[in-house]
Amino acid sequence: MQQEHIDAGKAIQKRTGKTFYLATRFLPERVRHATHVLYAFFRIADEVVDDAADVPPETQRAQLEDLRSQALGEREPDDPVLEAFQELRERYGIDDAEVETFIDAMATDIETSRYETYDDLESYMRGSAASVGVMMTAIMEPETEEAALPHAVTLGEAFQMTNFLRDVREDVRERDRIYVPQETLRDHGVEPAQIERLEHSESFAAAMAAELQRTEDLYREGVAGIRYLPEDCQLPVLLAAVLYVEHHAVIRAQEYDVLSREPSLSTARKLWCLAKTRWYWHWNRDPEAVFQRVSAVSTGERDRLGPEHGDGVPTR
């Protein structure tokens, strides 16, 4: 990949994905450059349907199909990121089916704005998030890819769910989308119209708490697979998980009210997450143990289990 193509991807990632960009900076160069390109490709596709306020659905579909043909090498790319993505796809042997699945998921956003059950949402995430995990695993080139892949898929879904739960306000206001499963809302007595009015309540808080718990189970399963990644990729992926799930602590601190204001991480908070993760990683190279010790997930876990369970990090 040419440097100008890498720089184009990096600029997109730095502008649109600040949290993931921070973790990406710790990847080895061989993976970091490819990650800039991958992330930029994902964002270009996502923006076709997310930043399309007055664009007719048929135009959005045509744009995605054009993007698909460029990504798969069926026609010459007209964007430096897409040119680099073509090279990356061929170099790392990324299956065309993963690209197809990802683009198909983006197309789903044109028509679908509600998901009845979590299974329905998970089917969507197989393209929007799991394919991302599969492609990221490919560029890291683990020795035992078959062992790493199921966890990478789950971790991708966890990241996506955190985004959904963090962005409820933005999604409903700007795109008329609600990703919290309708089934979960009904179970807790929440009407979709309540979310559309940005009306927080104890029942909505209970629904959010349930989905946060579900998502944190995904993080535990996903983080368990970090040990299958190359050693120089383990800390950056762990850091990404710690940073993303830190939003859960902010959401809880806001008493699950993501309708009045979007939970966000300050630069100081991100740097603190980075510092403590690197510190514990220095003493213990077990991703699960470090994640349990430093992440917002582990805080909730210790609160439930009680102080007798300790901090979960043995010394090496």
Protein backbone atom coordinates (compact mmCIF):
# COMPACT_ATOMS: atom_id res chain seq x y z
CA MET A 1 0.00 0.00 0.00
CA GLN A 2 1.27 3.44 -0.86
CA GLN A 3 1.86 5.88 1.97
CA GLU A 4 -0.67 8.36 0.57
CA HIS A 5 -3.34 5.65 0.72
CA ILE A 6 -2.45 4.79 4.30
CA ASP A 7 -2.52 8.48 5.23
CA ALA A 8 -5.99 8.86 3.69
CA GLY A 9 -7.29 5.99 5.80
CA LYS A 10 -5.55 7.30 8.91
CA ALA A 11 -7.16 10.74 8.47
CA ILE A 12 -10.63 9.19 8.31
CA GLN A 13 -10.02 7.03 11.37
CA LYS A 14 -8.55 9.89 13.37
CA ARG A 15 -11.56 12.09 12.53
CA THR A 16 -14.38 9.58 13.07
CA GLY A 17 -13.10 6.94 15.51
CA LYS A 18 -11.03 8.63 18.19
CA THR A 19 -11.36 5.84 20.77
CA PHE A 20 -10.34 3.05 18.41
CA TYR A 21 -7.67 5.29 16.90
CA LEU A 22 -5.97 5.60 20.29
CA ALA A 23 -5.74 1.81 20.61
CA THR A 24 -4.62 1.47 16.98
CA ARG A 25 -1.56 3.62 17.69
CA PHE A 26 -0.14 0.77 19.78
CA LEU A 27 -0.37 -1.82 17.04
CA PRO A 28 2.84 -2.81 15.24
CA GLU A 29 3.32 -0.91 11.98
CA ARG A 30 2.57 -3.96 9.83
CA VAL A 31 -0.92 -4.12 11.35
CA ARG A 32 -1.46 -0.45 12.14
CA HIS A 33 -1.29 0.70 8.51
CA ALA A 34 -3.71 -2.00 7.38
CA THR A 35 -6.04 -1.07 10.25
CA HIS A 36 -6.19 2.55 9.10
CA VAL A 37 -7.29 1.36 5.67
CA LEU A 38 -9.81 -1.17 7.01
CA TYR A 39 -11.40 1.33 9.37
CA ALA A 40 -11.64 3.96 6.64
CA PHE A 41 -13.32 1.46 4.31
CA PHE A 42 -15.86 0.61 7.00
CA ARG A 43 -16.57 4.28 7.60
CA ILE A 44 -16.98 5.11 3.91
CA ALA A 45 -19.61 2.37 3.62
CA ASP A 46 -21.28 3.35 6.86
CA GLU A 47 -21.54 7.00 5.88
CA VAL A 48 -23.46 6.08 2.71
CA VAL A 49 -26.43 5.20 4.93
CA ASP A 50 -25.69 7.23 8.08
CA ASP A 51 -25.09 10.62 6.45
CA ALA A 52 -27.86 10.41 3.89
CA ALA A 53 -30.61 12.63 5.25
CA ASP A 54 -32.08 13.65 1.90
CA VAL A 55 -30.65 10.90 -0.31
CA PRO A 56 -33.32 8.57 -1.76
CA PRO A 57 -33.02 4.88 -0.77
CA GLU A 58 -32.42 3.80 -4.38
CA THR A 59 -29.47 6.20 -4.60
CA GLN A 60 -28.00 4.83 -1.36
CA ARG A 61 -28.31 1.27 -2.70
CA ALA A 62 -26.62 2.26 -5.94
CA GLN A 63 -23.78 3.88 -4.00
CA LEU A 64 -23.30 0.74 -1.90
CA GLU A 65 -23.31 -1.47 -5.00
CA ASP A 66 -20.69 0.77 -6.59
CA LEU A 67 -18.65 0.54 -3.39
CA ARG A 68 -19.04 -3.24 -3.41
CA SER A 69 -17.74 -3.54 -6.97
CA GLN A 70 -14.71 -1.37 -6.18
CA ALA A 71 -13.95 -3.23 -2.94
CA LEU A 72 -14.09 -6.60 -4.70
CA GLY A 73 -11.89 -5.43 -7.57
CA GLU A 74 -14.64 -5.63 -10.18
CA ARG A 75 -13.86 -2.10 -11.33
CA GLU A 76 -11.10 0.43 -10.86
CA PRO A 77 -11.36 2.26 -7.51
CA ASP A 78 -11.98 6.00 -7.56
CA ASP A 79 -10.79 6.60 -4.00
CA PRO A 80 -7.34 6.06 -2.44
CA VAL A 81 -8.86 4.13 0.47
CA LEU A 82 -10.66 1.75 -1.86
CA GLU A 83 -7.51 1.26 -3.90
CA ALA A 84 -5.62 0.36 -0.75
CA PHE A 85 -8.45 -1.88 0.43
CA GLN A 86 -8.28 -3.87 -2.82
CA GLU A 87 -4.57 -4.46 -2.26
CA LEU A 88 -5.13 -5.34 1.39
CA ARG A 89 -7.93 -7.79 0.59
CA GLU A 90 -5.73 -9.65 -1.87
CA ARG A 91 -2.61 -9.60 0.31
CA TYR A 92 -4.29 -11.04 3.39
CA GLY A 93 -6.68 -13.35 1.58
CA ILE A 94 -9.83 -11.70 2.95
CA ASP A 95 -12.75 -13.74 1.66
CA ASP A 96 -15.05 -11.94 -0.77
CA ALA A 97 -17.95 -13.30 1.28
CA GLU A 98 -16.93 -11.15 4.26
CA VAL A 99 -16.95 -8.03 2.11
CA GLU A 100 -20.34 -9.04 0.69
CA THR A 101 -21.75 -9.67 4.18
CA PHE A 102 -20.52 -6.31 5.41
CA ILE A 103 -21.99 -4.36 2.48
CA ASP A 104 -25.28 -6.28 2.81
CA ALA A 105 -25.50 -5.19 6.46
CA MET A 106 -24.97 -1.56 5.47
CA ALA A 107 -27.82 -1.94 2.98
CA THR A 108 -30.05 -3.22 5.78
CA ASP A 109 -29.79 0.20 7.45
CA ILE A 110 -31.57 1.78 4.49
CA GLU A 111 -34.86 0.08 5.32
CA THR A 112 -34.60 -1.32 8.85
CA SER A 113 -34.83 1.01 11.84
CA ARG A 114 -36.05 -1.38 14.56
CA TYR A 115 -35.08 -4.91 15.61
CA GLU A 116 -37.66 -7.15 17.23
CA THR A 117 -35.34 -9.49 19.14
CA TYR A 118 -31.68 -9.68 20.02
CA ASP A 119 -31.36 -12.58 17.57
CA ASP A 120 -32.55 -10.23 14.82
CA LEU A 121 -30.01 -7.63 15.89
CA GLU A 122 -27.28 -10.26 16.07
CA SER A 123 -28.04 -11.29 12.49
CA TYR A 124 -27.46 -7.68 11.44
CA MET A 125 -24.24 -7.52 13.46
CA ARG A 126 -22.91 -10.60 11.67
CA GLY A 127 -22.23 -8.19 8.83
CA SER A 128 -21.81 -4.84 10.54
CA ALA A 129 -19.52 -6.03 13.35
CA ALA A 130 -18.51 -9.68 13.04
CA SER A 131 -17.11 -9.19 9.54
CA VAL A 132 -14.99 -6.38 10.97
CA GLY A 133 -13.59 -8.80 13.54
CA VAL A 134 -12.88 -11.39 10.86
CA MET A 135 -11.01 -8.89 8.66
CA MET A 136 -9.04 -7.50 11.60
CA THR A 137 -7.99 -11.03 12.54
CA ALA A 138 -6.84 -11.64 8.97
CA ILE A 139 -4.45 -8.68 8.97
CA MET A 140 -3.00 -9.70 12.35
CA GLU A 141 -2.18 -13.16 10.96
CA PRO A 142 -2.42 -15.26 14.15
CA GLU A 143 -0.84 -18.71 14.07
CA THR A 144 -4.09 -20.36 15.15
CA GLU A 145 -6.65 -18.30 13.25
CA GLU A 146 -9.39 -20.89 13.74
CA ALA A 147 -9.07 -20.49 17.52
CA ALA A 148 -8.98 -16.69 17.39
CA LEU A 149 -11.88 -16.11 14.98
CA PRO A 150 -14.91 -17.00 17.18
CA HIS A 151 -13.65 -14.65 19.89
CA ALA A 152 -12.90 -11.90 17.37
CA VAL A 153 -16.45 -12.16 16.06
CA THR A 154 -17.84 -11.87 19.58
CA LEU A 155 -15.58 -8.95 20.48
CA GLY A 156 -16.68 -7.14 17.31
CA GLU A 157 -20.29 -7.58 18.39
CA ALA A 158 -19.45 -6.27 21.87
CA PHE A 159 -17.89 -3.11 20.40
CA GLN A 160 -20.95 -2.64 18.19
CA MET A 161 -23.36 -3.08 21.11
CA THR A 162 -21.47 -0.50 23.16
CA ASN A 163 -21.83 1.92 20.25
CA PHE A 164 -25.56 1.20 20.03
CA LEU A 165 -26.10 1.73 23.77
CA ARG A 166 -23.94 4.84 23.85
CA ASP A 167 -25.57 6.39 20.76
CA VAL A 168 -29.28 5.84 21.47
CA ARG A 169 -29.94 9.59 21.47
CA GLU A 170 -28.02 10.28 18.25
CA ASP A 171 -29.46 7.29 16.40
CA VAL A 172 -33.10 8.11 17.14
CA ARG A 173 -32.76 11.87 16.58
CA GLU A 174 -30.66 11.84 13.43
CA ARG A 175 -31.61 8.53 11.79
CA ASP A 176 -34.87 7.40 13.43
CA ARG A 177 -33.19 4.14 14.46
CA ILE A 178 -33.51 2.23 17.73
CA TYR A 179 -31.08 -0.63 18.09
CA VAL A 180 -32.17 -1.68 21.58
CA PRO A 181 -34.27 -4.80 20.83
CA GLN A 182 -38.00 -4.16 20.96
CA GLU A 183 -38.36 -7.33 23.01
CA THR A 184 -36.11 -5.89 25.72
CA LEU A 185 -38.07 -2.64 25.73
CA ARG A 186 -41.40 -4.51 26.11
CA ASP A 187 -40.01 -6.69 28.90
CA HIS A 188 -39.31 -3.52 30.88
CA GLY A 189 -42.44 -1.61 29.92
CA VAL A 190 -40.82 0.87 27.55
CA GLU A 191 -42.68 2.16 24.50
CA PRO A 192 -40.56 3.08 21.45
CA ALA A 193 -42.36 6.43 21.39
CA GLN A 194 -40.81 7.18 24.78
CA ILE A 195 -37.34 6.89 23.25
CA GLU A 196 -38.42 8.94 20.24
CA ARG A 197 -39.41 11.69 22.69
CA LEU A 198 -36.04 11.27 24.49
CA GLU A 199 -37.98 10.59 27.68
CA HIS A 200 -35.86 8.87 30.32
CA SER A 201 -37.51 6.71 33.00
CA GLU A 202 -36.71 3.96 35.48
CA SER A 203 -38.13 1.41 33.05
CA PHE A 204 -35.78 2.60 30.30
CA ALA A 205 -32.90 2.46 32.78
CA ALA A 206 -33.78 -1.16 33.54
CA ALA A 207 -33.79 -2.00 29.82
CA MET A 208 -30.39 -0.36 29.38
CA ALA A 209 -29.01 -2.23 32.39
CA ALA A 210 -30.12 -5.54 30.88
CA GLU A 211 -28.45 -4.81 27.55
CA LEU A 212 -25.28 -3.60 29.23
CA GLN A 213 -25.07 -6.89 31.10
CA ARG A 214 -25.59 -8.85 27.90
CA THR A 215 -22.88 -6.82 26.20
CA GLU A 216 -20.43 -7.33 29.04
CA ASP A 217 -20.86 -11.08 28.71
CA LEU A 218 -19.80 -10.64 25.08
CA TYR A 219 -16.71 -8.73 26.18
CA ARG A 220 -15.65 -11.53 28.53
CA GLU A 221 -15.99 -14.09 25.77
CA GLY A 222 -14.25 -11.87 23.23
CA VAL A 223 -11.32 -10.95 25.49
CA ALA A 224 -10.75 -14.63 26.21
CA GLY A 225 -9.51 -15.00 22.63
CA ILE A 226 -6.89 -12.24 22.74
CA ARG A 227 -4.32 -14.84 23.82
CA TYR A 228 -4.55 -16.41 20.35
CA LEU A 229 -3.36 -13.19 18.66
CA PRO A 230 0.31 -12.39 17.96
CA GLU A 231 2.02 -11.08 21.08
CA ASP A 232 2.56 -7.60 19.62
CA CYS A 233 -1.17 -7.25 18.93
CA GLN A 234 -2.55 -8.41 22.28
CA LEU A 235 -2.15 -5.22 24.31
CA PRO A 236 -3.68 -2.91 21.63
CA VAL A 237 -6.76 -5.14 21.26
CA LEU A 238 -7.09 -5.39 25.04
CA LEU A 239 -6.77 -1.61 25.28
CA ALA A 240 -9.55 -1.17 22.71
CA ALA A 241 -11.82 -3.41 24.80
CA VAL A 242 -11.01 -1.49 28.00
CA LEU A 243 -11.64 1.88 26.32
CA TYR A 244 -14.93 0.85 24.72
CA VAL A 245 -16.37 -0.74 27.83
CA GLU A 246 -15.40 2.31 29.87
CA HIS A 247 -18.47 3.92 28.29
CA HIS A 248 -20.53 1.52 30.40
CA ALA A 249 -19.18 3.11 33.57
CA VAL A 250 -20.20 6.53 32.24
CA ILE A 251 -23.66 5.24 31.35
CA ARG A 252 -24.12 3.82 34.85
CA ALA A 253 -22.86 7.06 36.39
CA GLN A 254 -25.57 8.86 34.38
CA GLU A 255 -28.12 6.41 35.86
CA TYR A 256 -28.54 4.90 32.36
CA ASP A 257 -29.83 8.19 30.96
CA VAL A 258 -28.43 8.20 27.43
CA LEU A 259 -31.45 10.12 26.14
CA SER A 260 -30.64 13.50 27.71
CA ARG A 261 -26.95 13.45 26.76
CA GLU A 262 -24.57 11.07 25.03
CA PRO A 263 -22.01 9.46 27.33
CA SER A 264 -18.48 10.28 26.30
CA LEU A 265 -14.94 9.74 27.52
CA SER A 266 -12.72 12.71 28.25
CA THR A 267 -9.15 12.66 27.02
CA ALA A 268 -7.97 12.40 30.62
CA ARG A 269 -10.17 9.37 31.22
CA LYS A 270 -8.91 7.64 28.08
CA LEU A 271 -5.31 8.27 29.11
CA TRP A 272 -6.03 6.89 32.57
CA CYS A 273 -7.47 3.72 31.02
CA LEU A 274 -4.39 3.47 28.86
CA ALA A 275 -1.99 3.97 31.77
CA LYS A 276 -3.57 1.44 34.11
CA THR A 277 -3.96 -1.17 31.37
CA ARG A 278 -0.29 -0.87 30.38
CA TRP A 279 0.75 -0.98 34.03
CA TYR A 280 -1.06 -4.23 34.80
CA TRP A 281 -0.01 -5.67 31.44
CA HIS A 282 3.62 -5.08 32.43
CA TRP A 283 3.16 -7.37 35.42
CA ASN A 284 0.77 -9.91 33.99
CA ARG A 285 0.42 -10.79 30.29
CA ASP A 286 -2.91 -12.56 30.80
CA PRO A 287 -5.53 -10.55 28.83
CA GLU A 288 -8.48 -11.93 30.80
CA ALA A 289 -6.91 -11.20 34.18
CA VAL A 290 -5.92 -7.67 33.22
CA PHE A 291 -9.33 -6.98 31.71
CA GLN A 292 -11.01 -8.21 34.89
CA ARG A 293 -8.79 -5.93 36.95
CA VAL A 294 -8.95 -2.67 34.99
CA SER A 295 -12.16 -2.61 32.95
CA ALA A 296 -15.58 -1.22 33.79
CA VAL A 297 -16.90 -4.76 33.37
CA SER A 298 -14.76 -6.03 36.20
CA THR A 299 -15.95 -3.21 38.48
CA GLY A 300 -19.52 -4.40 38.11
CA GLU A 301 -18.43 -8.02 38.51
CA ARG A 302 -16.61 -7.33 41.79
CA ASP A 303 -19.59 -5.35 43.07
CA ARG A 304 -21.79 -8.38 42.46
CA LEU A 305 -19.37 -11.01 43.78
CA GLY A 306 -18.10 -9.13 46.80
CA PRO A 307 -14.64 -8.01 47.96
CA GLU A 308 -13.54 -11.51 48.97
CA HIS A 309 -12.92 -12.27 45.30
CA GLY A 310 -9.99 -9.87 45.16
CA ASP A 311 -8.64 -8.09 42.10
CA GLY A 312 -8.15 -11.13 39.88
CA VAL A 313 -4.56 -10.33 38.90
CA PRO A 314 -1.89 -12.72 40.13
CA THR A 315 1.71 -11.60 39.90
CA ARG A 316 3.93 -13.44 37.48
